[in-house]
């Protein structure tokens, strides 16, 4: 993992990934069950995709067309 991630002004780039690798995404099992249940009841609208955030360990949703992002609490 990049040693500069604690710097709020640092954005990892290709150099960081090639030297230190990218942080793996791992989600908590309880969150996974909640997420699956929610997606069954409320499927994602067209254009939205689910993305895993390695920093928080949570999924967020991104609209590819509008570039809007939403975290579910």
PDB file of N, CA and C in Angstrom:
ATOM      1  N   UNK A   1       0.841  -1.178   0.000  1.00  0.00           N
ATOM      2  CA  UNK A   1       0.000   0.000   0.000  1.00  0.00           C
ATOM      3  C   UNK A   1       0.886   1.241   0.000  1.00  0.00           C
ATOM      4  N   UNK A   2       0.432   2.250  -0.711  1.00  0.00           N
ATOM      5  CA  UNK A   2       1.191   3.492  -0.847  1.00  0.00           C
ATOM      6  C   UNK A   2       1.389   4.144   0.530  1.00  0.00           C
ATOM      7  N   UNK A   3       2.619   4.544   0.862  1.00  0.00           N
ATOM      8  CA  UNK A   3       2.866   5.167   2.168  1.00  0.00           C
ATOM      9  C   UNK A   3       2.318   6.593   2.268  1.00  0.00           C
ATOM     10  N   UNK A   4       1.870   7.163   1.151  1.00  0.00           N
ATOM     11  CA  UNK A   4       1.380   8.537   1.167  1.00  0.00           C
ATOM     12  C   UNK A   4      -0.126   8.648   1.333  1.00  0.00           C
ATOM     13  N   UNK A   5      -0.811   7.549   1.580  1.00  0.00           N
ATOM     14  CA  UNK A   5      -2.270   7.604   1.677  1.00  0.00           C
ATOM     15  C   UNK A   5      -2.747   8.418   2.883  1.00  0.00           C
ATOM     16  N   UNK A   6      -1.913   8.610   3.885  1.00  0.00           N
ATOM     17  CA  UNK A   6      -2.316   9.434   5.040  1.00  0.00           C
ATOM     18  C   UNK A   6      -2.319  10.916   4.692  1.00  0.00           C
ATOM     19  N   UNK A   7      -1.647  11.300   3.611  1.00  0.00           N
ATOM     20  CA  UNK A   7      -1.623  12.682   3.151  1.00  0.00           C
ATOM     21  C   UNK A   7      -2.920  12.960   2.394  1.00  0.00           C
ATOM     22  N   UNK A   8      -3.762  13.843   2.913  1.00  0.00           N
ATOM     23  CA  UNK A   8      -5.069  14.095   2.299  1.00  0.00           C
ATOM     24  C   UNK A   8      -4.948  14.738   0.921  1.00  0.00           C
ATOM     25  N   UNK A   9      -3.802  15.329   0.593  1.00  0.00           N
ATOM     26  CA  UNK A   9      -3.617  15.982  -0.702  1.00  0.00           C
ATOM     27  C   UNK A   9      -3.017  15.046  -1.750  1.00  0.00           C
ATOM     28  N   UNK A  10      -2.642  13.858  -1.334  1.00  0.00           N
ATOM     29  CA  UNK A  10      -2.020  12.899  -2.253  1.00  0.00           C
ATOM     30  C   UNK A  10      -3.072  12.072  -2.965  1.00  0.00           C
ATOM     31  N   UNK A  11      -2.936  11.944  -4.273  1.00  0.00           N
ATOM     32  CA  UNK A  11      -3.779  11.047  -5.055  1.00  0.00           C
ATOM     33  C   UNK A  11      -2.861  10.013  -5.689  1.00  0.00           C
ATOM     34  N   UNK A  12      -3.108   8.748  -5.383  1.00  0.00           N
ATOM     35  CA  UNK A  12      -2.275   7.691  -5.939  1.00  0.00           C
ATOM     36  C   UNK A  12      -2.391   7.675  -7.458  1.00  0.00           C
ATOM     37  N   UNK A  13      -1.274   7.362  -8.097  1.00  0.00           N
ATOM     38  CA  UNK A  13      -1.242   7.292  -9.554  1.00  0.00           C
ATOM     39  C   UNK A  13      -0.618   5.960  -9.968  1.00  0.00           C
ATOM     40  N   UNK A  14      -0.294   5.822 -11.242  1.00  0.00           N
ATOM     41  CA  UNK A  14       0.272   4.569 -11.745  1.00  0.00           C
ATOM     42  C   UNK A  14       1.584   4.215 -11.038  1.00  0.00           C
ATOM     43  N   UNK A  15       2.395   5.224 -10.689  1.00  0.00           N
ATOM     44  CA  UNK A  15       3.655   4.979  -9.991  1.00  0.00           C
ATOM     45  C   UNK A  15       3.403   4.312  -8.638  1.00  0.00           C
ATOM     46  N   UNK A  16       2.423   4.830  -7.887  1.00  0.00           N
ATOM     47  CA  UNK A  16       2.099   4.264  -6.572  1.00  0.00           C
ATOM     48  C   UNK A  16       1.649   2.806  -6.707  1.00  0.00           C
ATOM     49  N   UNK A  17       0.764   2.563  -7.662  1.00  0.00           N
ATOM     50  CA  UNK A  17       0.231   1.212  -7.841  1.00  0.00           C
ATOM     51  C   UNK A  17       1.332   0.249  -8.276  1.00  0.00           C
ATOM     52  N   UNK A  18       2.215   0.677  -9.185  1.00  0.00           N
ATOM     53  CA  UNK A  18       3.270  -0.227  -9.656  1.00  0.00           C
ATOM     54  C   UNK A  18       4.312  -0.496  -8.575  1.00  0.00           C
ATOM     55  N   UNK A  19       4.572   0.460  -7.692  1.00  0.00           N
ATOM     56  CA  UNK A  19       5.578   0.264  -6.645  1.00  0.00           C
ATOM     57  C   UNK A  19       5.032  -0.383  -5.374  1.00  0.00           C
ATOM     58  N   UNK A  20       3.829  -0.012  -4.981  1.00  0.00           N
ATOM     59  CA  UNK A  20       3.299  -0.503  -3.706  1.00  0.00           C
ATOM     60  C   UNK A  20       2.041  -1.347  -3.859  1.00  0.00           C
ATOM     61  N   UNK A  21       1.470  -1.358  -5.037  1.00  0.00           N
ATOM     62  CA  UNK A  21       0.249  -2.125  -5.259  1.00  0.00           C
ATOM     63  C   UNK A  21      -0.972  -1.380  -4.763  1.00  0.00           C
ATOM     64  N   UNK A  22      -2.106  -1.849  -5.178  1.00  0.00           N
ATOM     65  CA  UNK A  22      -3.368  -1.244  -4.763  1.00  0.00           C
ATOM     66  C   UNK A  22      -3.897  -1.975  -3.535  1.00  0.00           C
ATOM     67  N   UNK A  23      -4.579  -1.251  -2.688  1.00  0.00           N
ATOM     68  CA  UNK A  23      -5.166  -1.853  -1.496  1.00  0.00           C
ATOM     69  C   UNK A  23      -6.329  -2.749  -1.923  1.00  0.00           C
ATOM     70  N   UNK A  24      -6.407  -3.933  -1.347  1.00  0.00           N
ATOM     71  CA  UNK A  24      -7.478  -4.864  -1.669  1.00  0.00           C
ATOM     72  C   UNK A  24      -8.778  -4.436  -1.011  1.00  0.00           C
ATOM     73  N   UNK A  25      -9.870  -4.712  -1.711  1.00  0.00           N
ATOM     74  CA  UNK A  25     -11.193  -4.433  -1.165  1.00  0.00           C
ATOM     75  C   UNK A  25     -11.669  -5.660  -0.398  1.00  0.00           C
ATOM     76  N   UNK A  26     -12.019  -5.481   0.858  1.00  0.00           N
ATOM     77  CA  UNK A  26     -12.595  -6.577   1.639  1.00  0.00           C
ATOM     78  C   UNK A  26     -13.781  -6.021   2.419  1.00  0.00           C
ATOM     79  N   UNK A  27     -14.909  -6.681   2.274  1.00  0.00           N
ATOM     80  CA  UNK A  27     -16.139  -6.218   2.896  1.00  0.00           C
ATOM     81  C   UNK A  27     -16.515  -7.121   4.058  1.00  0.00           C
ATOM     82  N   UNK A  28     -17.118  -6.540   5.065  1.00  0.00           N
ATOM     83  CA  UNK A  28     -17.569  -7.296   6.222  1.00  0.00           C
ATOM     84  C   UNK A  28     -18.766  -8.163   5.838  1.00  0.00           C
ATOM     85  N   UNK A  29     -18.854  -9.417   6.314  1.00  0.00           N
ATOM     86  CA  UNK A  29     -19.970 -10.302   5.954  1.00  0.00           C
ATOM     87  C   UNK A  29     -21.346  -9.733   6.287  1.00  0.00           C
ATOM     88  N   UNK A  30     -21.495  -9.057   7.411  1.00  0.00           N
ATOM     89  CA  UNK A  30     -22.796  -8.476   7.770  1.00  0.00           C
ATOM     90  C   UNK A  30     -23.223  -7.420   6.765  1.00  0.00           C
ATOM     91  N   UNK A  31     -22.266  -6.591   6.329  1.00  0.00           N
ATOM     92  CA  UNK A  31     -22.567  -5.563   5.340  1.00  0.00           C
ATOM     93  C   UNK A  31     -22.962  -6.192   4.018  1.00  0.00           C
ATOM     94  N   UNK A  32     -22.338  -7.313   3.666  1.00  0.00           N
ATOM     95  CA  UNK A  32     -22.634  -7.986   2.405  1.00  0.00           C
ATOM     96  C   UNK A  32     -24.072  -8.497   2.389  1.00  0.00           C
ATOM     97  N   UNK A  33     -24.530  -9.072   3.485  1.00  0.00           N
ATOM     98  CA  UNK A  33     -25.916  -9.559   3.547  1.00  0.00           C
ATOM     99  C   UNK A  33     -26.911  -8.418   3.415  1.00  0.00           C
ATOM    100  N   UNK A  34     -26.638  -7.308   4.109  1.00  0.00           N
ATOM    101  CA  UNK A  34     -27.512  -6.142   4.024  1.00  0.00           C
ATOM    102  C   UNK A  34     -27.561  -5.596   2.600  1.00  0.00           C
ATOM    103  N   UNK A  35     -26.399  -5.528   1.984  1.00  0.00           N
ATOM    104  CA  UNK A  35     -26.288  -4.987   0.634  1.00  0.00           C
ATOM    105  C   UNK A  35     -27.067  -5.842  -0.357  1.00  0.00           C
ATOM    106  N   UNK A  36     -26.934  -7.152  -0.274  1.00  0.00           N
ATOM    107  CA  UNK A  36     -27.631  -8.060  -1.183  1.00  0.00           C
ATOM    108  C   UNK A  36     -29.146  -7.953  -0.985  1.00  0.00           C
ATOM    109  N   UNK A  37     -29.583  -7.900   0.270  1.00  0.00           N
ATOM    110  CA  UNK A  37     -31.014  -7.779   0.558  1.00  0.00           C
ATOM    111  C   UNK A  37     -31.564  -6.462  -0.001  1.00  0.00           C
ATOM    112  N   UNK A  38     -30.805  -5.376   0.166  1.00  0.00           N
ATOM    113  CA  UNK A  38     -31.242  -4.080  -0.336  1.00  0.00           C
ATOM    114  C   UNK A  38     -31.314  -4.077  -1.868  1.00  0.00           C
ATOM    115  N   UNK A  39     -30.323  -4.672  -2.521  1.00  0.00           N
ATOM    116  CA  UNK A  39     -30.315  -4.681  -3.990  1.00  0.00           C
ATOM    117  C   UNK A  39     -31.425  -5.563  -4.570  1.00  0.00           C
ATOM    118  N   UNK A  40     -31.841  -6.584  -3.845  1.00  0.00           N
ATOM    119  CA  UNK A  40     -32.976  -7.398  -4.303  1.00  0.00           C
ATOM    120  C   UNK A  40     -34.271  -6.597  -4.235  1.00  0.00           C
ATOM    121  N   UNK A  41     -34.420  -5.833  -3.162  1.00  0.00           N
ATOM    122  CA  UNK A  41     -35.640  -5.047  -2.970  1.00  0.00           C
ATOM    123  C   UNK A  41     -35.644  -3.800  -3.850  1.00  0.00           C
ATOM    124  N   UNK A  42     -34.467  -3.158  -3.983  1.00  0.00           N
ATOM    125  CA  UNK A  42     -34.337  -1.927  -4.762  1.00  0.00           C
ATOM    126  C   UNK A  42     -33.192  -2.080  -5.762  1.00  0.00           C
ATOM    127  N   UNK A  43     -33.446  -2.672  -6.932  1.00  0.00           N
ATOM    128  CA  UNK A  43     -32.369  -2.856  -7.915  1.00  0.00           C
ATOM    129  C   UNK A  43     -31.808  -1.519  -8.393  1.00  0.00           C
ATOM    130  N   UNK A  44     -30.559  -1.540  -8.812  1.00  0.00           N
ATOM    131  CA  UNK A  44     -29.919  -0.319  -9.294  1.00  0.00           C
ATOM    132  C   UNK A  44     -30.570   0.151 -10.585  1.00  0.00           C
ATOM    133  N   UNK A  45     -30.806   1.453 -10.695  1.00  0.00           N
ATOM    134  CA  UNK A  45     -31.347   1.986 -11.948  1.00  0.00           C
ATOM    135  C   UNK A  45     -30.307   1.869 -13.072  1.00  0.00           C
ATOM    136  N   UNK A  46     -30.772   2.017 -14.280  1.00  0.00           N
ATOM    137  CA  UNK A  46     -29.896   1.953 -15.446  1.00  0.00           C
ATOM    138  C   UNK A  46     -28.790   3.009 -15.349  1.00  0.00           C
ATOM    139  N   UNK A  47     -27.573   2.622 -15.681  1.00  0.00           N
ATOM    140  CA  UNK A  47     -26.445   3.548 -15.659  1.00  0.00           C
ATOM    141  C   UNK A  47     -25.665   3.549 -14.356  1.00  0.00           C
ATOM    142  N   UNK A  48     -26.203   2.932 -13.297  1.00  0.00           N
ATOM    143  CA  UNK A  48     -25.522   2.897 -12.002  1.00  0.00           C
ATOM    144  C   UNK A  48     -24.771   1.579 -11.843  1.00  0.00           C
ATOM    145  N   UNK A  49     -23.571   1.641 -11.262  1.00  0.00           N
ATOM    146  CA  UNK A  49     -22.782   0.438 -10.995  1.00  0.00           C
ATOM    147  C   UNK A  49     -22.303   0.458  -9.548  1.00  0.00           C
ATOM    148  N   UNK A  50     -22.079  -0.720  -9.016  1.00  0.00           N
ATOM    149  CA  UNK A  50     -21.586  -0.870  -7.654  1.00  0.00           C
ATOM    150  C   UNK A  50     -20.059  -0.923  -7.682  1.00  0.00           C
ATOM    151  N   UNK A  51     -19.419  -0.161  -6.796  1.00  0.00           N
ATOM    152  CA  UNK A  51     -17.959  -0.090  -6.737  1.00  0.00           C
ATOM    153  C   UNK A  51     -17.530  -0.307  -5.293  1.00  0.00           C
ATOM    154  N   UNK A  52     -16.500  -1.120  -5.069  1.00  0.00           N
ATOM    155  CA  UNK A  52     -15.979  -1.342  -3.724  1.00  0.00           C
ATOM    156  C   UNK A  52     -14.922  -0.313  -3.376  1.00  0.00           C
ATOM    157  N   UNK A  53     -15.049   0.319  -2.218  1.00  0.00           N
ATOM    158  CA  UNK A  53     -14.066   1.304  -1.750  1.00  0.00           C
ATOM    159  C   UNK A  53     -13.111   0.626  -0.779  1.00  0.00           C
ATOM    160  N   UNK A  54     -11.837   0.436  -1.164  1.00  0.00           N
ATOM    161  CA  UNK A  54     -10.906  -0.264  -0.279  1.00  0.00           C
ATOM    162  C   UNK A  54     -10.597   0.484   1.013  1.00  0.00           C
ATOM    163  N   UNK A  55     -10.718   1.790   1.025  1.00  0.00           N
ATOM    164  CA  UNK A  55     -10.417   2.559   2.235  1.00  0.00           C
ATOM    165  C   UNK A  55     -11.465   2.342   3.320  1.00  0.00           C
ATOM    166  N   UNK A  56     -12.738   2.369   2.940  1.00  0.00           N
ATOM    167  CA  UNK A  56     -13.804   2.235   3.942  1.00  0.00           C
ATOM    168  C   UNK A  56     -14.290   0.796   4.093  1.00  0.00           C
ATOM    169  N   UNK A  57     -14.012  -0.064   3.095  1.00  0.00           N
ATOM    170  CA  UNK A  57     -14.506  -1.432   3.130  1.00  0.00           C
ATOM    171  C   UNK A  57     -15.985  -1.522   2.793  1.00  0.00           C
ATOM    172  N   UNK A  58     -16.544  -0.447   2.232  1.00  0.00           N
ATOM    173  CA  UNK A  58     -17.957  -0.398   1.880  1.00  0.00           C
ATOM    174  C   UNK A  58     -18.107  -0.244   0.369  1.00  0.00           C
ATOM    175  N   UNK A  59     -19.287  -0.570  -0.100  1.00  0.00           N
ATOM    176  CA  UNK A  59     -19.609  -0.363  -1.512  1.00  0.00           C
ATOM    177  C   UNK A  59     -20.239   1.006  -1.675  1.00  0.00           C
ATOM    178  N   UNK A  60     -20.002   1.596  -2.815  1.00  0.00           N
ATOM    179  CA  UNK A  60     -20.724   2.810  -3.165  1.00  0.00           C
ATOM    180  C   UNK A  60     -21.242   2.632  -4.578  1.00  0.00           C
ATOM    181  N   UNK A  61     -22.089   3.541  -5.003  1.00  0.00           N
ATOM    182  CA  UNK A  61     -22.752   3.416  -6.289  1.00  0.00           C
ATOM    183  C   UNK A  61     -22.417   4.626  -7.139  1.00  0.00           C
ATOM    184  N   UNK A  62     -22.071   4.369  -8.395  1.00  0.00           N
ATOM    185  CA  UNK A  62     -21.584   5.402  -9.297  1.00  0.00           C
ATOM    186  C   UNK A  62     -22.412   5.385 -10.566  1.00  0.00           C
ATOM    187  N   UNK A  63     -22.872   6.563 -10.973  1.00  0.00           N
ATOM    188  CA  UNK A  63     -23.591   6.704 -12.228  1.00  0.00           C
ATOM    189  C   UNK A  63     -22.572   7.069 -13.294  1.00  0.00           C
ATOM    190  N   UNK A  64     -22.373   6.170 -14.242  1.00  0.00           N
ATOM    191  CA  UNK A  64     -21.348   6.356 -15.274  1.00  0.00           C
ATOM    192  C   UNK A  64     -21.650   7.537 -16.183  1.00  0.00           C
ATOM    193  N   UNK A  65     -22.924   7.836 -16.377  1.00  0.00           N
ATOM    194  CA  UNK A  65     -23.294   8.915 -17.294  1.00  0.00           C
ATOM    195  C   UNK A  65     -23.161  10.297 -16.654  1.00  0.00           C
ATOM    196  N   UNK A  66     -23.645  10.447 -15.429  1.00  0.00           N
ATOM    197  CA  UNK A  66     -23.626  11.761 -14.770  1.00  0.00           C
ATOM    198  C   UNK A  66     -22.414  11.951 -13.860  1.00  0.00           C
ATOM    199  N   UNK A  67     -21.677  10.863 -13.574  1.00  0.00           N
ATOM    200  CA  UNK A  67     -20.519  10.866 -12.669  1.00  0.00           C
ATOM    201  C   UNK A  67     -20.912  11.176 -11.221  1.00  0.00           C
ATOM    202  N   UNK A  68     -22.176  10.934 -10.870  1.00  0.00           N
ATOM    203  CA  UNK A  68     -22.633  11.109  -9.485  1.00  0.00           C
ATOM    204  C   UNK A  68     -22.295   9.849  -8.692  1.00  0.00           C
ATOM    205  N   UNK A  69     -22.082  10.036  -7.380  1.00  0.00           N
ATOM    206  CA  UNK A  69     -21.715   8.935  -6.478  1.00  0.00           C
ATOM    207  C   UNK A  69     -22.644   8.959  -5.291  1.00  0.00           C
ATOM    208  N   UNK A  70     -23.002   7.766  -4.791  1.00  0.00           N
ATOM    209  CA  UNK A  70     -23.863   7.671  -3.627  1.00  0.00           C
ATOM    210  C   UNK A  70     -23.395   6.529  -2.721  1.00  0.00           C
ATOM    211  N   UNK A  71     -23.217   6.823  -1.435  1.00  0.00           N
ATOM    212  CA  UNK A  71     -22.956   5.797  -0.428  1.00  0.00           C
ATOM    213  C   UNK A  71     -24.281   5.475   0.243  1.00  0.00           C
ATOM    214  N   UNK A  72     -24.518   4.211   0.516  1.00  0.00           N
ATOM    215  CA  UNK A  72     -25.721   3.801   1.239  1.00  0.00           C
ATOM    216  C   UNK A  72     -25.320   3.600   2.697  1.00  0.00           C
ATOM    217  N   UNK A  73     -26.081   4.180   3.618  1.00  0.00           N
ATOM    218  CA  UNK A  73     -25.739   4.050   5.041  1.00  0.00           C
ATOM    219  C   UNK A  73     -26.479   2.935   5.697  1.00  0.00           C
TER     220      UNK A  73
END
